[in-house]
C-alpha atoms as a PDB file:
ATOM      1  CA  MET A   1     -14.732   3.107  10.769  1.00  0.00           C
ATOM      2  CA  LEU A   2     -14.271   5.839   8.185  1.00  0.00           C
ATOM      3  CA  VAL A   3     -11.458   5.362   5.699  1.00  0.00           C
ATOM      4  CA  LYS A   4      -9.534   8.516   4.909  1.00  0.00           C
ATOM      5  CA  ILE A   5      -9.196   8.968   1.155  1.00  0.00           C
ATOM      6  CA  PRO A   6      -6.045  10.855   0.176  1.00  0.00           C
ATOM      7  CA  VAL A   7      -6.326  14.155  -1.650  1.00  0.00           C
ATOM      8  CA  LEU A   8      -5.143  13.587  -5.197  1.00  0.00           C
ATOM      9  CA  ARG A   9      -3.655  16.709  -6.711  1.00  0.00           C
ATOM     10  CA  TRP A  10      -0.213  17.461  -8.047  1.00  0.00           C
ATOM     11  CA  LYS A  11       1.900  20.517  -8.564  1.00  0.00           C
ATOM     12  CA  THR A  12       1.980  21.524 -12.224  1.00  0.00           C
ATOM     13  CA  ASN A  13       5.677  22.411 -12.089  1.00  0.00           C
ATOM     14  CA  GLY A  14       7.876  19.373 -12.523  1.00  0.00           C
ATOM     15  CA  ILE A  15      11.272  18.842 -10.932  1.00  0.00           C
ATOM     16  CA  THR A  16      14.005  17.308 -13.074  1.00  0.00           C
ATOM     17  CA  VAL A  17      15.380  14.356 -11.066  1.00  0.00           C
ATOM     18  CA  ALA A  18      17.522  12.788 -13.819  1.00  0.00           C
ATOM     19  CA  GLY A  19      19.039  14.114 -17.013  1.00  0.00           C
ATOM     20  CA  LEU A  20      19.525  17.650 -18.264  1.00  0.00           C
ATOM     21  CA  SER A  21      16.453  19.258 -19.778  1.00  0.00           C
ATOM     22  CA  GLY A  22      16.676  19.250 -23.559  1.00  0.00           C
ATOM     23  CA  GLN A  23      20.292  18.093 -23.584  1.00  0.00           C
ATOM     24  CA  SER A  24      20.889  14.621 -24.948  1.00  0.00           C
ATOM     25  CA  GLY A  25      24.122  12.900 -24.008  1.00  0.00           C
ATOM     26  CA  ASN A  26      25.826   9.759 -22.744  1.00  0.00           C
ATOM     27  CA  THR A  27      27.683  11.108 -19.713  1.00  0.00           C
ATOM     28  CA  SER A  28      26.681  10.136 -16.174  1.00  0.00           C
ATOM     29  CA  ASN A  29      24.479  13.230 -15.758  1.00  0.00           C
ATOM     30  CA  ARG A  30      22.693  12.981 -19.107  1.00  0.00           C
ATOM     31  CA  LEU A  31      20.152  10.754 -20.819  1.00  0.00           C
ATOM     32  CA  SER A  32      19.183  10.242 -24.438  1.00  0.00           C
ATOM     33  CA  GLY A  33      15.583   9.343 -25.099  1.00  0.00           C
ATOM     34  CA  PRO A  34      14.654   7.773 -21.742  1.00  0.00           C
ATOM     35  CA  VAL A  35      11.505   5.680 -22.223  1.00  0.00           C
ATOM     36  CA  ASP A  36      10.914   4.099 -18.825  1.00  0.00           C
ATOM     37  CA  VAL A  37      11.592   4.699 -15.141  1.00  0.00           C
ATOM     38  CA  VAL A  38      10.919   2.465 -12.141  1.00  0.00           C
ATOM     39  CA  LEU A  39      11.575   3.002  -8.434  1.00  0.00           C
ATOM     40  CA  ASP A  40      12.734   0.768  -5.614  1.00  0.00           C
ATOM     41  CA  TRP A  41      11.526   1.016  -2.020  1.00  0.00           C
ATOM     42  CA  THR A  42      13.997   3.822  -1.211  1.00  0.00           C
ATOM     43  CA  ASN A  43      13.016   5.799  -4.340  1.00  0.00           C
ATOM     44  CA  ASN A  44      16.191   5.114  -6.268  1.00  0.00           C
ATOM     45  CA  LEU A  45      15.475   5.451  -9.983  1.00  0.00           C
ATOM     46  CA  TYR A  46      16.149   2.851 -12.689  1.00  0.00           C
ATOM     47  CA  ILE A  47      15.935   4.336 -16.172  1.00  0.00           C
ATOM     48  CA  ALA A  48      15.748   2.736 -19.604  1.00  0.00           C
ATOM     49  CA  ASP A  49      18.102   5.113 -21.428  1.00  0.00           C
ATOM     50  CA  ALA A  50      17.064   3.852 -24.833  1.00  0.00           C
ATOM     51  CA  ASN A  51      19.282   5.756 -27.261  1.00  0.00           C
ATOM     52  CA  ASN A  52      22.314   5.064 -25.072  1.00  0.00           C
ATOM     53  CA  ASN A  53      21.506   1.331 -24.941  1.00  0.00           C
ATOM     54  CA  ARG A  54      21.920   1.215 -21.182  1.00  0.00           C
ATOM     55  CA  ILE A  55      20.088   1.156 -17.870  1.00  0.00           C
ATOM     56  CA  GLN A  56      20.985   3.965 -15.479  1.00  0.00           C
ATOM     57  CA  LYS A  57      20.491   3.936 -11.728  1.00  0.00           C
ATOM     58  CA  TYR A  58      20.125   7.233  -9.911  1.00  0.00           C
ATOM     59  CA  LEU A  59      20.351   7.057  -6.135  1.00  0.00           C
ATOM     60  CA  SER A  60      17.655   9.117  -4.460  1.00  0.00           C
ATOM     61  CA  THR A  61      18.550  12.863  -4.557  1.00  0.00           C
ATOM     62  CA  PHE A  62      21.629  12.223  -6.764  1.00  0.00           C
ATOM     63  CA  THR A  63      22.001  14.156 -10.034  1.00  0.00           C
ATOM     64  CA  THR A  64      24.315  11.639 -11.704  1.00  0.00           C
ATOM     65  CA  GLY A  65      23.617   8.034 -12.562  1.00  0.00           C
ATOM     66  CA  GLN A  66      25.620   4.859 -12.892  1.00  0.00           C
ATOM     67  CA  THR A  67      25.257   2.271 -15.624  1.00  0.00           C
ATOM     68  CA  ILE A  68      23.998  -1.016 -14.182  1.00  0.00           C
ATOM     69  CA  ALA A  69      23.153  -2.824 -17.428  1.00  0.00           C
ATOM     70  CA  GLY A  70      24.404  -2.455 -20.984  1.00  0.00           C
ATOM     71  CA  THR A  71      27.658  -1.087 -22.292  1.00  0.00           C
ATOM     72  CA  GLY A  72      26.364   2.042 -24.003  1.00  0.00           C
ATOM     73  CA  GLU A  73      26.941   0.516 -27.443  1.00  0.00           C
ATOM     74  CA  ASN A  74      24.132  -1.315 -29.191  1.00  0.00           C
ATOM     75  CA  GLY A  75      24.829  -5.010 -29.558  1.00  0.00           C
ATOM     76  CA  SER A  76      23.479  -8.482 -28.932  1.00  0.00           C
ATOM     77  CA  THR A  77      26.002 -10.060 -26.555  1.00  0.00           C
ATOM     78  CA  PRO A  78      24.888 -10.900 -22.980  1.00  0.00           C
ATOM     79  CA  SER A  79      26.504  -7.668 -21.741  1.00  0.00           C
ATOM     80  CA  GLN A  80      24.812  -5.432 -24.317  1.00  0.00           C
ATOM     81  CA  LEU A  81      21.378  -3.983 -24.996  1.00  0.00           C
ATOM     82  CA  TYR A  82      19.775  -2.511 -28.092  1.00  0.00           C
ATOM     83  CA  ASN A  83      17.112   0.101 -27.455  1.00  0.00           C
ATOM     84  CA  PRO A  84      15.908  -1.137 -24.055  1.00  0.00           C
ATOM     85  CA  SER A  85      12.320   0.018 -23.632  1.00  0.00           C
ATOM     86  CA  ARG A  86      10.683  -1.321 -20.460  1.00  0.00           C
ATOM     87  CA  LEU A  87      11.864  -2.293 -16.973  1.00  0.00           C
ATOM     88  CA  LEU A  88      10.516  -4.476 -14.205  1.00  0.00           C
ATOM     89  CA  LEU A  89      12.206  -4.522 -10.795  1.00  0.00           C
ATOM     90  CA  ASP A  90      11.757  -7.457  -8.428  1.00  0.00           C
ATOM     91  CA  LYS A  91      11.941  -7.383  -4.622  1.00  0.00           C
ATOM     92  CA  ASN A  92      15.662  -8.248  -4.715  1.00  0.00           C
ATOM     93  CA  GLU A  93      16.433  -5.354  -7.077  1.00  0.00           C
ATOM     94  CA  ASN A  94      17.019  -7.632 -10.042  1.00  0.00           C
ATOM     95  CA  LEU A  95      15.790  -6.291 -13.356  1.00  0.00           C
ATOM     96  CA  TYR A  96      13.761  -7.623 -16.245  1.00  0.00           C
ATOM     97  CA  ILE A  97      14.527  -5.591 -19.368  1.00  0.00           C
ATOM     98  CA  SER A  98      12.627  -5.456 -22.650  1.00  0.00           C
ATOM     99  CA  ASP A  99      15.614  -5.452 -24.999  1.00  0.00           C
ATOM    100  CA  SER A 100      13.367  -4.457 -27.846  1.00  0.00           C
ATOM    101  CA  TYR A 101      15.601  -4.372 -30.909  1.00  0.00           C
ATOM    102  CA  ASN A 102      17.291  -7.589 -29.823  1.00  0.00           C
ATOM    103  CA  THR A 103      13.799  -9.176 -29.693  1.00  0.00           C
ATOM    104  CA  ARG A 104      14.354 -10.581 -26.211  1.00  0.00           C
ATOM    105  CA  VAL A 105      13.658 -10.048 -22.531  1.00  0.00           C
ATOM    106  CA  GLN A 106      16.781 -10.026 -20.388  1.00  0.00           C
ATOM    107  CA  PHE A 107      17.027 -10.848 -16.692  1.00  0.00           C
ATOM    108  CA  TRP A 108      19.779  -8.891 -14.970  1.00  0.00           C
ATOM    109  CA  ASN A 109      20.837  -9.893 -11.485  1.00  0.00           C
ATOM    110  CA  LYS A 110      21.699  -7.011  -9.192  1.00  0.00           C
ATOM    111  CA  GLY A 111      25.374  -6.166  -9.672  1.00  0.00           C
ATOM    112  CA  ALA A 112      25.842  -8.425 -12.698  1.00  0.00           C
ATOM    113  CA  THR A 113      27.703  -7.412 -15.852  1.00  0.00           C
ATOM    114  CA  ASN A 114      25.751  -9.776 -18.105  1.00  0.00           C
ATOM    115  CA  GLY A 115      22.087 -10.522 -18.600  1.00  0.00           C
ATOM    116  CA  SER A 116      20.415 -13.830 -19.364  1.00  0.00           C
ATOM    117  CA  THR A 117      17.604 -14.260 -21.875  1.00  0.00           C
ATOM    118  CA  VAL A 118      14.339 -15.362 -20.268  1.00  0.00           C
ATOM    119  CA  ALA A 119      12.082 -14.854 -23.302  1.00  0.00           C
ATOM    120  CA  GLY A 120      12.608 -14.463 -27.036  1.00  0.00           C
ATOM    121  CA  VAL A 121      15.543 -15.383 -29.253  1.00  0.00           C
ATOM    122  CA  THR A 122      18.277 -12.803 -29.760  1.00  0.00           C
ATOM    123  CA  GLY A 123      17.900 -11.001 -33.090  1.00  0.00           C
ATOM    124  CA  VAL A 124      15.171 -13.295 -34.416  1.00  0.00           C
ATOM    125  CA  TYR A 125      11.824 -11.728 -35.245  1.00  0.00           C
ATOM    126  CA  GLY A 126       8.759 -13.925 -35.603  1.00  0.00           C
ATOM    127  CA  ALA A 127       5.329 -14.975 -34.421  1.00  0.00           C
ATOM    128  CA  ALA A 128       6.141 -18.420 -33.014  1.00  0.00           C
ATOM    129  CA  ASN A 129       5.555 -18.905 -29.300  1.00  0.00           C
ATOM    130  CA  ASN A 130       9.259 -18.571 -28.520  1.00  0.00           C
ATOM    131  CA  LEU A 131       9.703 -15.373 -30.569  1.00  0.00           C
ATOM    132  CA  PHE A 132       8.752 -11.694 -30.496  1.00  0.00           C
ATOM    133  CA  ASN A 133       8.264  -8.989 -33.053  1.00  0.00           C
ATOM    134  CA  ILE A 134       9.516  -6.206 -30.746  1.00  0.00           C
ATOM    135  CA  PRO A 135       8.761  -6.818 -27.059  1.00  0.00           C
ATOM    136  CA  TYR A 136       7.701  -3.793 -25.028  1.00  0.00           C
ATOM    137  CA  GLY A 137       5.578  -3.820 -21.872  1.00  0.00           C
ATOM    138  CA  LEU A 138       6.400  -6.087 -18.923  1.00  0.00           C
ATOM    139  CA  ALA A 139       4.211  -7.181 -16.023  1.00  0.00           C
ATOM    140  CA  HIS A 140       4.620  -9.817 -13.331  1.00  0.00           C
ATOM    141  CA  ASN A 141       2.274 -11.938 -11.240  1.00  0.00           C
ATOM    142  CA  PRO A 142       4.248 -12.516  -8.018  1.00  0.00           C
ATOM    143  CA  ILE A 143       1.971 -15.309  -6.811  1.00  0.00           C
ATOM    144  CA  SER A 144       2.382 -17.544  -9.863  1.00  0.00           C
ATOM    145  CA  ASP A 145       5.794 -16.060 -10.765  1.00  0.00           C
ATOM    146  CA  THR A 146       4.582 -15.454 -14.312  1.00  0.00           C
ATOM    147  CA  LEU A 147       5.973 -12.812 -16.658  1.00  0.00           C
ATOM    148  CA  TYR A 148       3.696 -11.097 -19.187  1.00  0.00           C
ATOM    149  CA  VAL A 149       5.055  -9.329 -22.274  1.00  0.00           C
ATOM    150  CA  SER A 150       3.472  -6.970 -24.816  1.00  0.00           C
ATOM    151  CA  ASP A 151       4.510  -8.334 -28.218  1.00  0.00           C
ATOM    152  CA  TYR A 152       4.154  -5.102 -30.183  1.00  0.00           C
ATOM    153  CA  GLN A 153       4.119  -6.039 -33.868  1.00  0.00           C
ATOM    154  CA  ASN A 154       2.423  -9.380 -33.241  1.00  0.00           C
ATOM    155  CA  HIS A 155      -0.442  -7.506 -31.538  1.00  0.00           C
ATOM    156  CA  ARG A 156      -0.593  -9.911 -28.621  1.00  0.00           C
ATOM    157  CA  ILE A 157       0.193 -10.473 -24.955  1.00  0.00           C
ATOM    158  CA  MET A 158       2.430 -13.423 -24.119  1.00  0.00           C
ATOM    159  CA  SER A 159       2.753 -15.328 -20.843  1.00  0.00           C
ATOM    160  CA  TYR A 160       5.960 -16.911 -19.488  1.00  0.00           C
ATOM    161  CA  PRO A 161       5.827 -18.965 -16.272  1.00  0.00           C
ATOM    162  CA  SER A 162       9.123 -18.954 -14.387  1.00  0.00           C
ATOM    163  CA  GLY A 163      11.810 -20.903 -16.242  1.00  0.00           C
ATOM    164  CA  VAL A 164       9.713 -21.375 -19.411  1.00  0.00           C
ATOM    165  CA  LYS A 165      11.033 -19.769 -22.598  1.00  0.00           C
ATOM    166  CA  ASN A 166       8.301 -21.066 -24.906  1.00  0.00           C
ATOM    167  CA  GLY A 167       5.526 -18.575 -24.208  1.00  0.00           C
ATOM    168  CA  THR A 168       1.767 -18.898 -24.360  1.00  0.00           C
ATOM    169  CA  LYS A 169      -0.452 -16.374 -26.078  1.00  0.00           C
ATOM    170  CA  ILE A 170      -3.064 -15.191 -23.623  1.00  0.00           C
ATOM    171  CA  PHE A 171      -4.755 -12.495 -25.703  1.00  0.00           C
ATOM    172  CA  GLY A 172      -4.672 -10.990 -29.189  1.00  0.00           C
ATOM    173  CA  GLY A 173      -2.481 -12.328 -31.952  1.00  0.00           C
ATOM    174  CA  ASN A 174      -5.311 -12.349 -34.460  1.00  0.00           C
ATOM    175  CA  GLY A 175      -4.158  -9.379 -36.486  1.00  0.00           C
ATOM    176  CA  ALA A 176      -4.068  -5.659 -35.800  1.00  0.00           C
ATOM    177  CA  GLY A 177      -7.494  -4.241 -35.163  1.00  0.00           C
ATOM    178  CA  THR A 178      -9.818  -2.281 -32.931  1.00  0.00           C
ATOM    179  CA  SER A 179     -12.438  -4.906 -32.115  1.00  0.00           C
ATOM    180  CA  ASP A 180     -12.651  -6.043 -28.494  1.00  0.00           C
ATOM    181  CA  THR A 181     -10.977  -9.342 -29.382  1.00  0.00           C
ATOM    182  CA  GLN A 182      -7.951  -7.660 -30.976  1.00  0.00           C
ATOM    183  CA  LEU A 183      -5.014  -5.486 -29.996  1.00  0.00           C
ATOM    184  CA  TYR A 184      -3.188  -2.901 -32.079  1.00  0.00           C
ATOM    185  CA  THR A 185       0.522  -2.558 -31.267  1.00  0.00           C
ATOM    186  CA  PRO A 186       0.264  -2.881 -27.462  1.00  0.00           C
ATOM    187  CA  ILE A 187       2.963  -1.169 -25.411  1.00  0.00           C
ATOM    188  CA  GLY A 188       2.089  -0.463 -21.778  1.00  0.00           C
ATOM    189  CA  LEU A 189       1.230  -3.395 -19.508  1.00  0.00           C
ATOM    190  CA  HIS A 190       0.154  -3.544 -15.862  1.00  0.00           C
ATOM    191  CA  TYR A 191      -0.892  -6.569 -13.810  1.00  0.00           C
ATOM    192  CA  ASP A 192      -3.680  -5.910 -11.305  1.00  0.00           C
ATOM    193  CA  ALA A 193      -3.930  -8.616  -8.649  1.00  0.00           C
ATOM    194  CA  PHE A 194      -7.221  -7.317  -7.232  1.00  0.00           C
ATOM    195  CA  SER A 195      -9.122  -7.911 -10.474  1.00  0.00           C
ATOM    196  CA  ASN A 196      -6.822 -10.681 -11.787  1.00  0.00           C
ATOM    197  CA  SER A 197      -6.390  -8.777 -15.003  1.00  0.00           C
ATOM    198  CA  LEU A 198      -3.998  -6.924 -17.264  1.00  0.00           C
ATOM    199  CA  PHE A 199      -4.320  -3.270 -18.197  1.00  0.00           C
ATOM    200  CA  ILE A 200      -2.981  -2.744 -21.713  1.00  0.00           C
ATOM    201  CA  GLY A 201      -1.813   0.413 -23.458  1.00  0.00           C
ATOM    202  CA  ASN A 202      -3.285  -0.208 -26.900  1.00  0.00           C
ATOM    203  CA  PHE A 203      -0.981   2.207 -28.697  1.00  0.00           C
ATOM    204  CA  ARG A 204      -2.354   2.589 -32.235  1.00  0.00           C
ATOM    205  CA  ALA A 205      -5.919   2.042 -31.088  1.00  0.00           C
ATOM    206  CA  HIS A 206      -5.525   5.089 -28.812  1.00  0.00           C
ATOM    207  CA  ASN A 207      -7.090   3.434 -25.782  1.00  0.00           C
ATOM    208  CA  ILE A 208      -6.455   1.670 -22.494  1.00  0.00           C
ATOM    209  CA  VAL A 209      -8.176  -1.690 -22.190  1.00  0.00           C
ATOM    210  CA  GLN A 210      -8.505  -4.298 -19.455  1.00  0.00           C
ATOM    211  CA  TYR A 211      -8.212  -8.014 -20.092  1.00  0.00           C
ATOM    212  CA  VAL A 212      -9.518 -10.277 -17.310  1.00  0.00           C
ATOM    213  CA  PHE A 213      -7.851 -13.681 -17.405  1.00  0.00           C
ATOM    214  CA  GLY A 214     -10.086 -16.250 -19.011  1.00  0.00           C
ATOM    215  CA  ALA A 215     -12.178 -13.699 -20.913  1.00  0.00           C
ATOM    216  CA  THR A 216     -12.495 -13.636 -24.698  1.00  0.00           C
ATOM    217  CA  ASN A 217     -12.539  -9.864 -25.058  1.00  0.00           C
ATOM    218  CA  TRP A 218     -11.279  -6.696 -23.452  1.00  0.00           C
ATOM    219  CA  THR A 219     -13.159  -3.978 -21.566  1.00  0.00           C
ATOM    220  CA  LEU A 220     -12.564  -0.319 -22.378  1.00  0.00           C
ATOM    221  CA  ILE A 221     -11.001   1.685 -19.541  1.00  0.00           C
ATOM    222  CA  ALA A 222     -10.228   4.969 -21.279  1.00  0.00           C
ATOM    223  CA  GLY A 223      -9.983   6.379 -24.793  1.00  0.00           C
ATOM    224  CA  ASN A 224     -12.053   5.759 -27.897  1.00  0.00           C
ATOM    225  CA  ARG A 225     -13.518   2.282 -28.403  1.00  0.00           C
ATOM    226  CA  ASN A 226     -13.246   2.638 -32.181  1.00  0.00           C
ATOM    227  CA  GLY A 227      -9.568   3.509 -32.198  1.00  0.00           C
ATOM    228  CA  THR A 228      -9.920   7.196 -33.049  1.00  0.00           C
ATOM    229  CA  SER A 229      -7.307   9.618 -31.742  1.00  0.00           C
ATOM    230  CA  GLY A 230      -8.086  12.974 -30.178  1.00  0.00           C
ATOM    231  CA  ALA A 231      -7.102  15.614 -27.650  1.00  0.00           C
ATOM    232  CA  THR A 232     -10.242  15.809 -25.537  1.00  0.00           C
ATOM    233  CA  SER A 233     -10.566  14.705 -21.910  1.00  0.00           C
ATOM    234  CA  MET A 234     -11.947  11.368 -23.145  1.00  0.00           C
ATOM    235  CA  SER A 235      -9.411  10.593 -25.873  1.00  0.00           C
ATOM    236  CA  PHE A 236      -5.727   9.903 -26.491  1.00  0.00           C
ATOM    237  CA  ASN A 237      -3.213  10.452 -29.243  1.00  0.00           C
ATOM    238  CA  TYR A 238      -0.962   7.378 -28.981  1.00  0.00           C
ATOM    239  CA  CYS A 239      -1.030   6.289 -25.330  1.00  0.00           C
ATOM    240  CA  THR A 240       2.160   4.467 -24.410  1.00  0.00           C
ATOM    241  CA  ASP A 241       1.882   3.515 -20.760  1.00  0.00           C
ATOM    242  CA  MET A 242      -0.290   3.422 -17.692  1.00  0.00           C
ATOM    243  CA  THR A 243      -0.127   2.661 -13.994  1.00  0.00           C
ATOM    244  CA  LEU A 244      -2.650   2.241 -11.192  1.00  0.00           C
ATOM    245  CA  ASP A 245      -2.644   3.455  -7.607  1.00  0.00           C
ATOM    246  CA  PRO A 246      -3.968   1.402  -4.661  1.00  0.00           C
ATOM    247  CA  MET A 247      -7.441   2.926  -5.110  1.00  0.00           C
ATOM    248  CA  GLY A 248      -7.676   1.709  -8.704  1.00  0.00           C
ATOM    249  CA  ASN A 249      -7.245   5.133 -10.294  1.00  0.00           C
ATOM    250  CA  VAL A 250      -5.509   5.056 -13.674  1.00  0.00           C
ATOM    251  CA  TYR A 251      -2.641   7.282 -14.848  1.00  0.00           C
ATOM    252  CA  VAL A 252      -1.851   7.371 -18.580  1.00  0.00           C
ATOM    253  CA  SER A 253       1.033   8.770 -20.619  1.00  0.00           C
ATOM    254  CA  ASP A 254      -0.681  10.335 -23.638  1.00  0.00           C
ATOM    255  CA  ARG A 255       2.390  10.674 -25.802  1.00  0.00           C
ATOM    256  CA  GLU A 256       1.422  12.822 -28.770  1.00  0.00           C
ATOM    257  CA  ASN A 257      -0.779  15.064 -26.628  1.00  0.00           C
ATOM    258  CA  HIS A 258       2.305  15.657 -24.434  1.00  0.00           C
ATOM    259  CA  ARG A 259       0.446  15.063 -21.183  1.00  0.00           C
ATOM    260  CA  ILE A 260      -0.334  12.696 -18.316  1.00  0.00           C
ATOM    261  CA  GLN A 261      -4.031  11.942 -17.844  1.00  0.00           C
ATOM    262  CA  PHE A 262      -5.694  10.915 -14.580  1.00  0.00           C
ATOM    263  CA  PHE A 263      -8.823   8.754 -14.574  1.00  0.00           C
ATOM    264  CA  PRO A 264     -10.602   8.143 -11.257  1.00  0.00           C
ATOM    265  CA  SER A 265     -11.520   4.488 -10.885  1.00  0.00           C
ATOM    266  CA  GLY A 266     -14.456   3.630 -13.119  1.00  0.00           C
ATOM    267  CA  GLU A 267     -14.524   6.980 -14.940  1.00  0.00           C
ATOM    268  CA  VAL A 268     -13.759   7.609 -18.612  1.00  0.00           C
ATOM    269  CA  ASN A 269     -13.364  11.385 -18.395  1.00  0.00           C
ATOM    270  CA  GLY A 270      -9.747  12.247 -17.667  1.00  0.00           C
ATOM    271  CA  THR A 271      -7.971  15.209 -16.115  1.00  0.00           C
ATOM    272  CA  THR A 272      -4.552  16.474 -17.187  1.00  0.00           C
ATOM    273  CA  ILE A 273      -2.209  16.347 -14.180  1.00  0.00           C
ATOM    274  CA  ALA A 274       1.135  16.908 -15.925  1.00  0.00           C
ATOM    275  CA  GLY A 275       1.991  18.640 -19.162  1.00  0.00           C
ATOM    276  CA  ILE A 276      -0.192  20.887 -21.305  1.00  0.00           C
ATOM    277  CA  THR A 277      -2.285  19.383 -24.098  1.00  0.00           C
ATOM    278  CA  GLY A 278      -0.614  19.892 -27.460  1.00  0.00           C
ATOM    279  CA  ILE A 279       2.229  22.028 -26.062  1.00  0.00           C
ATOM    280  CA  MET A 280       5.805  20.778 -26.229  1.00  0.00           C
ATOM    281  CA  VAL A 281       7.938  23.812 -25.450  1.00  0.00           C
ATOM    282  CA  ARG A 282      10.636  23.034 -22.902  1.00  0.00           C
ATOM    283  CA  ASN A 283       9.928  24.250 -19.396  1.00  0.00           C
ATOM    284  CA  ASP A 284       8.952  22.821 -16.024  1.00  0.00           C
ATOM    285  CA  THR A 285       5.212  22.716 -16.798  1.00  0.00           C
ATOM    286  CA  THR A 286       5.451  20.922 -20.153  1.00  0.00           C
ATOM    287  CA  LEU A 287       6.359  17.492 -21.510  1.00  0.00           C
ATOM    288  CA  TYR A 288       7.583  16.358 -24.907  1.00  0.00           C
ATOM    289  CA  ARG A 289       6.357  12.911 -25.919  1.00  0.00           C
ATOM    290  CA  PRO A 290       6.264  11.246 -22.489  1.00  0.00           C
ATOM    291  CA  TRP A 291       6.580   7.454 -22.724  1.00  0.00           C
ATOM    292  CA  ALA A 292       6.113   6.249 -19.157  1.00  0.00           C
ATOM    293  CA  VAL A 293       4.453   7.233 -15.901  1.00  0.00           C
ATOM    294  CA  ARG A 294       5.132   5.855 -12.403  1.00  0.00           C
ATOM    295  CA  LEU A 295       4.161   6.576  -8.786  1.00  0.00           C
ATOM    296  CA  ASP A 296       6.100   6.369  -5.545  1.00  0.00           C
ATOM    297  CA  SER A 297       4.604   5.327  -2.205  1.00  0.00           C
ATOM    298  CA  GLN A 298       3.450   8.922  -1.576  1.00  0.00           C
ATOM    299  CA  LEU A 299       1.776   9.065  -4.999  1.00  0.00           C
ATOM    300  CA  ASN A 300       4.261  11.570  -6.356  1.00  0.00           C
ATOM    301  CA  LEU A 301       4.359  11.288 -10.123  1.00  0.00           C
ATOM    302  CA  TYR A 302       7.443  10.340 -12.167  1.00  0.00           C
ATOM    303  CA  VAL A 303       7.435  10.793 -15.940  1.00  0.00           C
ATOM    304  CA  ALA A 304       9.898   9.638 -18.580  1.00  0.00           C
ATOM    305  CA  ASP A 305       9.894  12.880 -20.579  1.00  0.00           C
ATOM    306  CA  THR A 306      11.521  11.226 -23.543  1.00  0.00           C
ATOM    307  CA  TYR A 307      12.163  13.970 -26.060  1.00  0.00           C
ATOM    308  CA  ASN A 308      13.298  16.350 -23.329  1.00  0.00           C
ATOM    309  CA  HIS A 309      15.839  13.685 -22.253  1.00  0.00           C
ATOM    310  CA  ARG A 310      14.845  13.885 -18.604  1.00  0.00           C
ATOM    311  CA  ILE A 311      12.834  12.332 -15.796  1.00  0.00           C
ATOM    312  CA  GLN A 312      10.325  14.721 -14.257  1.00  0.00           C
ATOM    313  CA  LYS A 313       8.848  14.459 -10.779  1.00  0.00           C
ATOM    314  CA  PHE A 314       5.500  16.097  -9.989  1.00  0.00           C
ATOM    315  CA  LEU A 315       4.847  16.421  -6.268  1.00  0.00           C
ATOM    316  CA  ARG A 316       1.494  15.526  -4.764  1.00  0.00           C
ATOM    317  CA  TYR A 317       0.329  18.136  -2.277  1.00  0.00           C
END
């Protein structure tokens, strides 16, 4: 039986689905430096509104959001967040939040007014197994119920089985570097069950790498192996995030090139599917330092267009 492969192309004009383009603010219809967006099964949006120290939920087709975590003021109490950077949504619509400047990961039950710390120690920076030096990317293995965290300034990926606050280093942590046994300020993180591996946005090494559990080194997926930045179809200039579709294709937010790059599975030559390389003027075809990229079930593209203070949707057609 022939398997129908979907046509993968996207409109170049984005639709603003949250925030006001170029207008920072803390009202219900505005965002300030959004750095992540995730979707639930009905395409409601959950946004890490970093500069407002809050998580906003936008119901599908709504133009205003409601605050579901954080108070809007930076702080370290259970009800507060300080520069939340990454989100992970479970099947019950509970959230894991990288509360980066509080050096902790918070678990926020749906409808709760307070979060609970599941990894890290509030306000304490360090390299011990129970500490972070700025947590960013989050990924989850639903079979083992294990949380993985990109520990940015410690240049490592940490593992936290359910209920365990003392993490285990699973890769990196041997200094910043560009060898295949090192990481360099990792941000983006994606767990791939098919290959039992993690895809890592290796920020200052300007590449996307894959770590297969049990290996001693990473494999290059996209970008320069030697950590050199660039603006070609095979390079990045500070890549912050990535996601995969069911076919194993890779989508990358190439922040300083102001674009989203698409890499067919197994290929290292990318195609720009959103934004224009090196252009950051404000219109519906451009992006300004995008931090995160996500897909819905129809493979429409959602981008946290951070410096334009908006979430952009690019329709697949």
